[in-house]
Amino acid sequence: MFGAAAKMDLVRLAIPRRVYTQSHIDYVVEVILEVWKNRDRIQGLRLSHEAPFLRHFTAHLEPVEQPVIARS
């Protein structure tokens, strides 16, 4: 959407109040940390099929070939 102007790819995590316990949040934090630790091994996905409504529930994804980027 922002093209070259975007400095970072960010994800917003919205959590409804009074629905989840602290243990739920702790688990989410653990998973996010694991994803961050393994970020070099996780490849991207692209949307290959989407339904006209509620596409996020029935989407089909395919791996994206990405060049390996060395992190310093």
PDB file of N, CA and C in Angstrom:
ATOM      1  N   MET A   1       0.805  -1.181   0.000  1.00  0.00           N
ATOM      2  CA  MET A   1       0.000   0.000   0.000  1.00  0.00           C
ATOM      3  C   MET A   1       0.854   1.253   0.000  1.00  0.00           C
ATOM      4  N   PHE A   2       1.945   1.265   0.800  1.00  0.00           N
ATOM      5  CA  PHE A   2       2.770   2.450   0.879  1.00  0.00           C
ATOM      6  C   PHE A   2       4.034   2.343   0.039  1.00  0.00           C
ATOM      7  N   GLY A   3       4.286   1.185  -0.542  1.00  0.00           N
ATOM      8  CA  GLY A   3       5.428   1.001  -1.430  1.00  0.00           C
ATOM      9  C   GLY A   3       6.749   1.299  -0.766  1.00  0.00           C
ATOM     10  N   ALA A   4       7.585   2.037  -1.462  1.00  0.00           N
ATOM     11  CA  ALA A   4       8.926   2.334  -0.976  1.00  0.00           C
ATOM     12  C   ALA A   4       8.909   3.193   0.283  1.00  0.00           C
ATOM     13  N   ALA A   5       7.808   3.863   0.564  1.00  0.00           N
ATOM     14  CA  ALA A   5       7.732   4.725   1.748  1.00  0.00           C
ATOM     15  C   ALA A   5       7.655   3.925   3.047  1.00  0.00           C
ATOM     16  N   ALA A   6       7.266   2.642   2.955  1.00  0.00           N
ATOM     17  CA  ALA A   6       7.148   1.823   4.165  1.00  0.00           C
ATOM     18  C   ALA A   6       8.532   1.404   4.637  1.00  0.00           C
ATOM     19  N   LYS A   7       8.866   1.761   5.856  1.00  0.00           N
ATOM     20  CA  LYS A   7      10.172   1.401   6.419  1.00  0.00           C
ATOM     21  C   LYS A   7      10.148   0.010   7.041  1.00  0.00           C
ATOM     22  N   MET A   8       8.990  -0.404   7.568  1.00  0.00           N
ATOM     23  CA  MET A   8       8.871  -1.698   8.232  1.00  0.00           C
ATOM     24  C   MET A   8       7.527  -2.328   7.898  1.00  0.00           C
ATOM     25  N   ASP A   9       7.483  -3.655   7.954  1.00  0.00           N
ATOM     26  CA  ASP A   9       6.214  -4.374   7.889  1.00  0.00           C
ATOM     27  C   ASP A   9       5.797  -4.641   9.328  1.00  0.00           C
ATOM     28  N   LEU A  10       4.665  -4.116   9.738  1.00  0.00           N
ATOM     29  CA  LEU A  10       4.205  -4.265  11.107  1.00  0.00           C
ATOM     30  C   LEU A  10       2.886  -5.015  11.142  1.00  0.00           C
ATOM     31  N   VAL A  11       2.647  -5.689  12.258  1.00  0.00           N
ATOM     32  CA  VAL A  11       1.397  -6.393  12.493  1.00  0.00           C
ATOM     33  C   VAL A  11       0.776  -5.811  13.752  1.00  0.00           C
ATOM     34  N   ARG A  12      -0.506  -5.510  13.684  1.00  0.00           N
ATOM     35  CA  ARG A  12      -1.214  -5.014  14.854  1.00  0.00           C
ATOM     36  C   ARG A  12      -1.923  -6.185  15.506  1.00  0.00           C
ATOM     37  N   LEU A  13      -1.714  -6.332  16.791  1.00  0.00           N
ATOM     38  CA  LEU A  13      -2.357  -7.395  17.544  1.00  0.00           C
ATOM     39  C   LEU A  13      -3.427  -6.758  18.426  1.00  0.00           C
ATOM     40  N   ALA A  14      -4.675  -6.919  18.058  1.00  0.00           N
ATOM     41  CA  ALA A  14      -5.787  -6.365  18.823  1.00  0.00           C
ATOM     42  C   ALA A  14      -6.376  -7.463  19.705  1.00  0.00           C
ATOM     43  N   ILE A  15      -6.470  -7.193  20.990  1.00  0.00           N
ATOM     44  CA  ILE A  15      -6.962  -8.186  21.948  1.00  0.00           C
ATOM     45  C   ILE A  15      -8.200  -7.620  22.638  1.00  0.00           C
ATOM     46  N   PRO A  16      -9.336  -8.285  22.498  1.00  0.00           N
ATOM     47  CA  PRO A  16     -10.531  -7.796  23.172  1.00  0.00           C
ATOM     48  C   PRO A  16     -10.406  -7.918  24.698  1.00  0.00           C
ATOM     49  N   ARG A  17     -10.888  -6.934  25.397  1.00  0.00           N
ATOM     50  CA  ARG A  17     -10.840  -6.979  26.857  1.00  0.00           C
ATOM     51  C   ARG A  17     -11.828  -7.998  27.402  1.00  0.00           C
ATOM     52  N   ARG A  18     -11.525  -8.498  28.586  1.00  0.00           N
ATOM     53  CA  ARG A  18     -12.399  -9.405  29.344  1.00  0.00           C
ATOM     54  C   ARG A  18     -12.687 -10.726  28.642  1.00  0.00           C
ATOM     55  N   VAL A  19     -11.865 -11.086  27.688  1.00  0.00           N
ATOM     56  CA  VAL A  19     -12.087 -12.349  26.989  1.00  0.00           C
ATOM     57  C   VAL A  19     -10.964 -13.329  27.276  1.00  0.00           C
ATOM     58  N   TYR A  20      -9.735 -12.840  27.320  1.00  0.00           N
ATOM     59  CA  TYR A  20      -8.586 -13.705  27.488  1.00  0.00           C
ATOM     60  C   TYR A  20      -7.949 -13.516  28.850  1.00  0.00           C
ATOM     61  N   THR A  21      -7.391 -14.601  29.390  1.00  0.00           N
ATOM     62  CA  THR A  21      -6.707 -14.544  30.676  1.00  0.00           C
ATOM     63  C   THR A  21      -5.233 -14.208  30.458  1.00  0.00           C
ATOM     64  N   GLN A  22      -4.526 -13.961  31.535  1.00  0.00           N
ATOM     65  CA  GLN A  22      -3.103 -13.671  31.442  1.00  0.00           C
ATOM     66  C   GLN A  22      -2.342 -14.851  30.837  1.00  0.00           C
ATOM     67  N   SER A  23      -2.785 -16.071  31.117  1.00  0.00           N
ATOM     68  CA  SER A  23      -2.098 -17.236  30.540  1.00  0.00           C
ATOM     69  C   SER A  23      -2.251 -17.273  29.017  1.00  0.00           C
ATOM     70  N   HIS A  24      -3.377 -16.812  28.492  1.00  0.00           N
ATOM     71  CA  HIS A  24      -3.536 -16.714  27.042  1.00  0.00           C
ATOM     72  C   HIS A  24      -2.522 -15.734  26.464  1.00  0.00           C
ATOM     73  N   ILE A  25      -2.391 -14.577  27.107  1.00  0.00           N
ATOM     74  CA  ILE A  25      -1.464 -13.552  26.631  1.00  0.00           C
ATOM     75  C   ILE A  25      -0.031 -14.042  26.735  1.00  0.00           C
ATOM     76  N   ASP A  26       0.303 -14.722  27.824  1.00  0.00           N
ATOM     77  CA  ASP A  26       1.654 -15.277  27.993  1.00  0.00           C
ATOM     78  C   ASP A  26       1.984 -16.254  26.872  1.00  0.00           C
ATOM     79  N   TYR A  27       1.012 -17.086  26.503  1.00  0.00           N
ATOM     80  CA  TYR A  27       1.222 -18.046  25.414  1.00  0.00           C
ATOM     81  C   TYR A  27       1.468 -17.321  24.091  1.00  0.00           C
ATOM     82  N   VAL A  28       0.686 -16.294  23.810  1.00  0.00           N
ATOM     83  CA  VAL A  28       0.862 -15.520  22.575  1.00  0.00           C
ATOM     84  C   VAL A  28       2.257 -14.905  22.539  1.00  0.00           C
ATOM     85  N   VAL A  29       2.716 -14.375  23.653  1.00  0.00           N
ATOM     86  CA  VAL A  29       4.063 -13.800  23.728  1.00  0.00           C
ATOM     87  C   VAL A  29       5.115 -14.866  23.441  1.00  0.00           C
ATOM     88  N   GLU A  30       4.955 -16.064  24.022  1.00  0.00           N
ATOM     89  CA  GLU A  30       5.899 -17.160  23.762  1.00  0.00           C
ATOM     90  C   GLU A  30       5.959 -17.501  22.271  1.00  0.00           C
ATOM     91  N   VAL A  31       4.806 -17.576  21.633  1.00  0.00           N
ATOM     92  CA  VAL A  31       4.754 -17.923  20.211  1.00  0.00           C
ATOM     93  C   VAL A  31       5.404 -16.825  19.364  1.00  0.00           C
ATOM     94  N   ILE A  32       5.128 -15.576  19.676  1.00  0.00           N
ATOM     95  CA  ILE A  32       5.727 -14.466  18.923  1.00  0.00           C
ATOM     96  C   ILE A  32       7.243 -14.500  19.056  1.00  0.00           C
ATOM     97  N   LEU A  33       7.748 -14.785  20.250  1.00  0.00           N
ATOM     98  CA  LEU A  33       9.199 -14.879  20.449  1.00  0.00           C
ATOM     99  C   LEU A  33       9.808 -16.031  19.654  1.00  0.00           C
ATOM    100  N   GLU A  34       9.111 -17.164  19.588  1.00  0.00           N
ATOM    101  CA  GLU A  34       9.600 -18.294  18.791  1.00  0.00           C
ATOM    102  C   GLU A  34       9.638 -17.951  17.308  1.00  0.00           C
ATOM    103  N   VAL A  35       8.612 -17.285  16.829  1.00  0.00           N
ATOM    104  CA  VAL A  35       8.586 -16.867  15.425  1.00  0.00           C
ATOM    105  C   VAL A  35       9.759 -15.929  15.158  1.00  0.00           C
ATOM    106  N   TRP A  36      10.013 -14.999  16.062  1.00  0.00           N
ATOM    107  CA  TRP A  36      11.126 -14.054  15.892  1.00  0.00           C
ATOM    108  C   TRP A  36      12.464 -14.797  15.863  1.00  0.00           C
ATOM    109  N   LYS A  37      12.636 -15.777  16.739  1.00  0.00           N
ATOM    110  CA  LYS A  37      13.890 -16.546  16.766  1.00  0.00           C
ATOM    111  C   LYS A  37      14.114 -17.311  15.466  1.00  0.00           C
ATOM    112  N   ASN A  38      13.032 -17.753  14.851  1.00  0.00           N
ATOM    113  CA  ASN A  38      13.125 -18.579  13.638  1.00  0.00           C
ATOM    114  C   ASN A  38      12.811 -17.798  12.372  1.00  0.00           C
ATOM    115  N   ARG A  39      12.863 -16.486  12.433  1.00  0.00           N
ATOM    116  CA  ARG A  39      12.466 -15.647  11.299  1.00  0.00           C
ATOM    117  C   ARG A  39      13.279 -15.907  10.045  1.00  0.00           C
ATOM    118  N   ASP A  40      14.516 -16.370  10.184  1.00  0.00           N
ATOM    119  CA  ASP A  40      15.342 -16.645   9.008  1.00  0.00           C
ATOM    120  C   ASP A  40      14.913 -17.922   8.286  1.00  0.00           C
ATOM    121  N   ARG A  41      14.200 -18.794   8.984  1.00  0.00           N
ATOM    122  CA  ARG A  41      13.774 -20.065   8.390  1.00  0.00           C
ATOM    123  C   ARG A  41      12.330 -20.033   7.920  1.00  0.00           C
ATOM    124  N   ILE A  42      11.603 -18.985   8.240  1.00  0.00           N
ATOM    125  CA  ILE A  42      10.188 -18.888   7.881  1.00  0.00           C
ATOM    126  C   ILE A  42      10.068 -18.138   6.556  1.00  0.00           C
ATOM    127  N   GLN A  43       9.414 -18.753   5.591  1.00  0.00           N
ATOM    128  CA  GLN A  43       9.272 -18.093   4.296  1.00  0.00           C
ATOM    129  C   GLN A  43       7.893 -17.475   4.177  1.00  0.00           C
ATOM    130  N   GLY A  44       7.750 -16.580   3.241  1.00  0.00           N
ATOM    131  CA  GLY A  44       6.492 -15.885   3.037  1.00  0.00           C
ATOM    132  C   GLY A  44       5.474 -16.736   2.305  1.00  0.00           C
ATOM    133  N   LEU A  45       4.240 -16.294   2.356  1.00  0.00           N
ATOM    134  CA  LEU A  45       3.143 -16.951   1.662  1.00  0.00           C
ATOM    135  C   LEU A  45       2.408 -15.913   0.828  1.00  0.00           C
ATOM    136  N   ARG A  46       1.844 -16.371  -0.275  1.00  0.00           N
ATOM    137  CA  ARG A  46       1.037 -15.473  -1.089  1.00  0.00           C
ATOM    138  C   ARG A  46      -0.358 -16.062  -1.217  1.00  0.00           C
ATOM    139  N   LEU A  47      -1.313 -15.188  -1.374  1.00  0.00           N
ATOM    140  CA  LEU A  47      -2.700 -15.579  -1.512  1.00  0.00           C
ATOM    141  C   LEU A  47      -2.923 -16.126  -2.916  1.00  0.00           C
ATOM    142  N   SER A  48      -3.318 -17.402  -3.015  1.00  0.00           N
ATOM    143  CA  SER A  48      -3.540 -17.995  -4.331  1.00  0.00           C
ATOM    144  C   SER A  48      -5.025 -18.143  -4.649  1.00  0.00           C
ATOM    145  N   HIS A  49      -5.864 -18.120  -3.632  1.00  0.00           N
ATOM    146  CA  HIS A  49      -7.316 -18.183  -3.844  1.00  0.00           C
ATOM    147  C   HIS A  49      -7.999 -17.504  -2.666  1.00  0.00           C
ATOM    148  N   GLU A  50      -9.023 -16.713  -2.963  1.00  0.00           N
ATOM    149  CA  GLU A  50      -9.797 -16.087  -1.898  1.00  0.00           C
ATOM    150  C   GLU A  50     -11.279 -16.113  -2.243  1.00  0.00           C
ATOM    151  N   ALA A  51     -12.087 -16.329  -1.241  1.00  0.00           N
ATOM    152  CA  ALA A  51     -13.535 -16.313  -1.421  1.00  0.00           C
ATOM    153  C   ALA A  51     -14.011 -14.864  -1.505  1.00  0.00           C
ATOM    154  N   PRO A  52     -15.170 -14.629  -2.101  1.00  0.00           N
ATOM    155  CA  PRO A  52     -15.656 -13.260  -2.201  1.00  0.00           C
ATOM    156  C   PRO A  52     -15.983 -12.645  -0.831  1.00  0.00           C
ATOM    157  N   PHE A  53     -16.333 -13.477   0.140  1.00  0.00           N
ATOM    158  CA  PHE A  53     -16.654 -12.997   1.479  1.00  0.00           C
ATOM    159  C   PHE A  53     -15.827 -13.761   2.509  1.00  0.00           C
ATOM    160  N   LEU A  54     -15.417 -13.099   3.556  1.00  0.00           N
ATOM    161  CA  LEU A  54     -14.654 -13.716   4.646  1.00  0.00           C
ATOM    162  C   LEU A  54     -13.454 -14.501   4.126  1.00  0.00           C
ATOM    163  N   ARG A  55     -12.679 -13.868   3.275  1.00  0.00           N
ATOM    164  CA  ARG A  55     -11.573 -14.554   2.594  1.00  0.00           C
ATOM    165  C   ARG A  55     -10.543 -15.117   3.557  1.00  0.00           C
ATOM    166  N   HIS A  56     -10.383 -14.513   4.730  1.00  0.00           N
ATOM    167  CA  HIS A  56      -9.359 -14.985   5.660  1.00  0.00           C
ATOM    168  C   HIS A  56      -9.693 -16.354   6.251  1.00  0.00           C
ATOM    169  N   PHE A  57     -10.957 -16.784   6.213  1.00  0.00           N
ATOM    170  CA  PHE A  57     -11.318 -18.096   6.742  1.00  0.00           C
ATOM    171  C   PHE A  57     -11.093 -19.211   5.728  1.00  0.00           C
ATOM    172  N   THR A  58     -11.175 -18.913   4.443  1.00  0.00           N
ATOM    173  CA  THR A  58     -11.098 -19.966   3.423  1.00  0.00           C
ATOM    174  C   THR A  58      -9.981 -19.734   2.415  1.00  0.00           C
ATOM    175  N   ALA A  59      -9.052 -18.875   2.741  1.00  0.00           N
ATOM    176  CA  ALA A  59      -7.980 -18.534   1.804  1.00  0.00           C
ATOM    177  C   ALA A  59      -7.075 -19.734   1.545  1.00  0.00           C
ATOM    178  N   HIS A  60      -6.529 -19.781   0.353  1.00  0.00           N
ATOM    179  CA  HIS A  60      -5.512 -20.766  -0.013  1.00  0.00           C
ATOM    180  C   HIS A  60      -4.202 -19.999  -0.178  1.00  0.00           C
ATOM    181  N   LEU A  61      -3.152 -20.507   0.439  1.00  0.00           N
ATOM    182  CA  LEU A  61      -1.854 -19.835   0.397  1.00  0.00           C
ATOM    183  C   LEU A  61      -0.812 -20.730  -0.244  1.00  0.00           C
ATOM    184  N   GLU A  62       0.153 -20.103  -0.917  1.00  0.00           N
ATOM    185  CA  GLU A  62       1.271 -20.831  -1.533  1.00  0.00           C
ATOM    186  C   GLU A  62       2.579 -20.193  -1.093  1.00  0.00           C
ATOM    187  N   PRO A  63       3.628 -20.987  -0.960  1.00  0.00           N
ATOM    188  CA  PRO A  63       4.924 -20.425  -0.568  1.00  0.00           C
ATOM    189  C   PRO A  63       5.447 -19.444  -1.615  1.00  0.00           C
ATOM    190  N   VAL A  64       6.151 -18.436  -1.149  1.00  0.00           N
ATOM    191  CA  VAL A  64       6.778 -17.452  -2.017  1.00  0.00           C
ATOM    192  C   VAL A  64       8.274 -17.737  -2.027  1.00  0.00           C
ATOM    193  N   GLU A  65       8.841 -17.826  -3.212  1.00  0.00           N
ATOM    194  CA  GLU A  65      10.284 -18.005  -3.320  1.00  0.00           C
ATOM    195  C   GLU A  65      10.948 -16.687  -2.978  1.00  0.00           C
ATOM    196  N   GLN A  66      11.801 -16.697  -1.990  1.00  0.00           N
ATOM    197  CA  GLN A  66      12.467 -15.475  -1.566  1.00  0.00           C
ATOM    198  C   GLN A  66      13.971 -15.681  -1.573  1.00  0.00           C
ATOM    199  N   PRO A  67      14.719 -14.678  -1.946  1.00  0.00           N
ATOM    200  CA  PRO A  67      16.173 -14.786  -1.850  1.00  0.00           C
ATOM    201  C   PRO A  67      16.597 -14.802  -0.380  1.00  0.00           C
ATOM    202  N   VAL A  68      17.665 -15.513  -0.102  1.00  0.00           N
ATOM    203  CA  VAL A  68      18.172 -15.567   1.264  1.00  0.00           C
ATOM    204  C   VAL A  68      18.893 -14.260   1.567  1.00  0.00           C
ATOM    205  N   ILE A  69      18.508 -13.615   2.655  1.00  0.00           N
ATOM    206  CA  ILE A  69      19.107 -12.349   3.068  1.00  0.00           C
ATOM    207  C   ILE A  69      19.889 -12.593   4.341  1.00  0.00           C
ATOM    208  N   ALA A  70      21.177 -12.299   4.293  1.00  0.00           N
ATOM    209  CA  ALA A  70      22.015 -12.485   5.482  1.00  0.00           C
ATOM    210  C   ALA A  70      21.718 -11.383   6.476  1.00  0.00           C
ATOM    211  N   ARG A  71      21.523 -11.768   7.730  1.00  0.00           N
ATOM    212  CA  ARG A  71      21.280 -10.788   8.797  1.00  0.00           C
ATOM    213  C   ARG A  71      22.567 -10.588   9.571  1.00  0.00           C
ATOM    214  N   SER A  72      22.842  -9.347   9.918  1.00  0.00           N
ATOM    215  CA  SER A  72      24.054  -9.086  10.691  1.00  0.00           C
ATOM    216  C   SER A  72      23.748  -8.810  12.133  1.00  0.00           C
TER     217      SER A  72
END
